[in-house]
C-alpha atoms as a PDB file:
ATOM      1  CA  UNK A   1       0.000   0.000   0.000  1.00  0.00           C
ATOM      2  CA  UNK A   2       1.413   3.334  -1.053  1.00  0.00           C
ATOM      3  CA  UNK A   3       1.262   6.299   1.272  1.00  0.00           C
ATOM      4  CA  UNK A   4      -0.266   9.522   0.037  1.00  0.00           C
ATOM      5  CA  UNK A   5       2.268  12.305   0.299  1.00  0.00           C
ATOM      6  CA  UNK A   6       1.640  15.850  -0.762  1.00  0.00           C
ATOM      7  CA  UNK A   7       3.808  18.882  -1.432  1.00  0.00           C
ATOM      8  CA  UNK A   8       3.727  20.021   2.193  1.00  0.00           C
ATOM      9  CA  UNK A   9       5.345  16.754   3.284  1.00  0.00           C
ATOM     10  CA  UNK A  10       8.261  17.207   0.895  1.00  0.00           C
ATOM     11  CA  UNK A  11       8.652  20.881   1.839  1.00  0.00           C
ATOM     12  CA  UNK A  12       8.939  19.834   5.474  1.00  0.00           C
ATOM     13  CA  UNK A  13      11.520  17.189   4.577  1.00  0.00           C
ATOM     14  CA  UNK A  14      13.545  19.798   2.702  1.00  0.00           C
ATOM     15  CA  UNK A  15      13.361  22.220   5.627  1.00  0.00           C
ATOM     16  CA  UNK A  16      14.518  19.530   8.056  1.00  0.00           C
ATOM     17  CA  UNK A  17      17.384  18.476   5.773  1.00  0.00           C
ATOM     18  CA  UNK A  18      18.569  22.095   5.587  1.00  0.00           C
ATOM     19  CA  UNK A  19      18.413  22.389   9.374  1.00  0.00           C
ATOM     20  CA  UNK A  20      20.503  19.239   9.737  1.00  0.00           C
ATOM     21  CA  UNK A  21      22.996  20.530   7.171  1.00  0.00           C
ATOM     22  CA  UNK A  22      23.380  23.797   9.066  1.00  0.00           C
ATOM     23  CA  UNK A  23      24.146  21.959  12.313  1.00  0.00           C
ATOM     24  CA  UNK A  24      26.408  19.292  10.809  1.00  0.00           C
ATOM     25  CA  UNK A  25      30.162  19.588  11.306  1.00  0.00           C
ATOM     26  CA  UNK A  26      31.174  17.369   8.393  1.00  0.00           C
ATOM     27  CA  UNK A  27      31.218  19.439   5.195  1.00  0.00           C
ATOM     28  CA  UNK A  28      30.598  16.449   2.931  1.00  0.00           C
ATOM     29  CA  UNK A  29      27.590  15.278   4.913  1.00  0.00           C
ATOM     30  CA  UNK A  30      26.201  18.836   5.020  1.00  0.00           C
ATOM     31  CA  UNK A  31      26.561  19.085   1.247  1.00  0.00           C
ATOM     32  CA  UNK A  32      24.731  15.794   0.792  1.00  0.00           C
ATOM     33  CA  UNK A  33      21.925  17.001   3.048  1.00  0.00           C
ATOM     34  CA  UNK A  34      21.587  20.240   1.049  1.00  0.00           C
ATOM     35  CA  UNK A  35      21.423  18.237  -2.189  1.00  0.00           C
ATOM     36  CA  UNK A  36      18.734  16.069  -0.648  1.00  0.00           C
ATOM     37  CA  UNK A  37      16.826  19.204   0.338  1.00  0.00           C
ATOM     38  CA  UNK A  38      16.952  20.370  -3.286  1.00  0.00           C
ATOM     39  CA  UNK A  39      15.518  17.040  -4.447  1.00  0.00           C
ATOM     40  CA  UNK A  40      12.667  17.334  -1.954  1.00  0.00           C
ATOM     41  CA  UNK A  41      11.936  20.905  -3.051  1.00  0.00           C
ATOM     42  CA  UNK A  42      11.805  19.817  -6.694  1.00  0.00           C
ATOM     43  CA  UNK A  43       9.402  17.008  -5.798  1.00  0.00           C
ATOM     44  CA  UNK A  44       7.191  19.466  -3.879  1.00  0.00           C
ATOM     45  CA  UNK A  45       7.087  21.849  -6.863  1.00  0.00           C
ATOM     46  CA  UNK A  46       6.243  18.936  -9.175  1.00  0.00           C
ATOM     47  CA  UNK A  47       3.369  17.875  -6.917  1.00  0.00           C
ATOM     48  CA  UNK A  48       2.076  21.463  -6.710  1.00  0.00           C
ATOM     49  CA  UNK A  49       2.071  21.702 -10.511  1.00  0.00           C
ATOM     50  CA  UNK A  50       0.224  18.389 -10.805  1.00  0.00           C
ATOM     51  CA  UNK A  51      -2.312  19.536  -8.222  1.00  0.00           C
ATOM     52  CA  UNK A  52      -2.875  22.828 -10.045  1.00  0.00           C
ATOM     53  CA  UNK A  53      -3.301  20.979 -13.340  1.00  0.00           C
ATOM     54  CA  UNK A  54      -5.855  18.629 -11.785  1.00  0.00           C
ATOM     55  CA  UNK A  55      -7.839  21.547 -10.383  1.00  0.00           C
ATOM     56  CA  UNK A  56      -7.691  23.384 -13.696  1.00  0.00           C
ATOM     57  CA  UNK A  57     -10.180  21.013 -15.311  1.00  0.00           C
ATOM     58  CA  UNK A  58     -12.656  21.375 -12.441  1.00  0.00           C
ATOM     59  CA  UNK A  59     -13.024  25.151 -12.748  1.00  0.00           C
ATOM     60  CA  UNK A  60     -15.955  26.517 -14.705  1.00  0.00           C
ATOM     61  CA  UNK A  61     -14.988  27.900 -18.096  1.00  0.00           C
ATOM     62  CA  UNK A  62     -17.386  30.803 -17.940  1.00  0.00           C
ATOM     63  CA  UNK A  63     -17.590  33.881 -15.782  1.00  0.00           C
ATOM     64  CA  UNK A  64     -20.647  34.845 -13.903  1.00  0.00           C
ATOM     65  CA  UNK A  65     -22.212  38.020 -15.164  1.00  0.00           C
ATOM     66  CA  UNK A  66     -23.890  39.283 -12.039  1.00  0.00           C
ATOM     67  CA  UNK A  67     -25.553  42.175 -13.866  1.00  0.00           C
ATOM     68  CA  UNK A  68     -27.442  39.816 -16.209  1.00  0.00           C
ATOM     69  CA  UNK A  69     -30.654  38.043 -15.350  1.00  0.00           C
END
């Protein structure tokens, strides 16, 4: 069974990876954590785009003219 993960989840992972990188003493490990944060941010942006595309089809294609009867 696959877990449902949204953009917020990956943004939080990226934030946590950056926090760990800032506190880490080993430069190589900190670099790896920053690269991982970038991957999570890209995944979050990808999910946001997919979500926006899915919602695009559900919007009405006409505008309400409130002055008409």
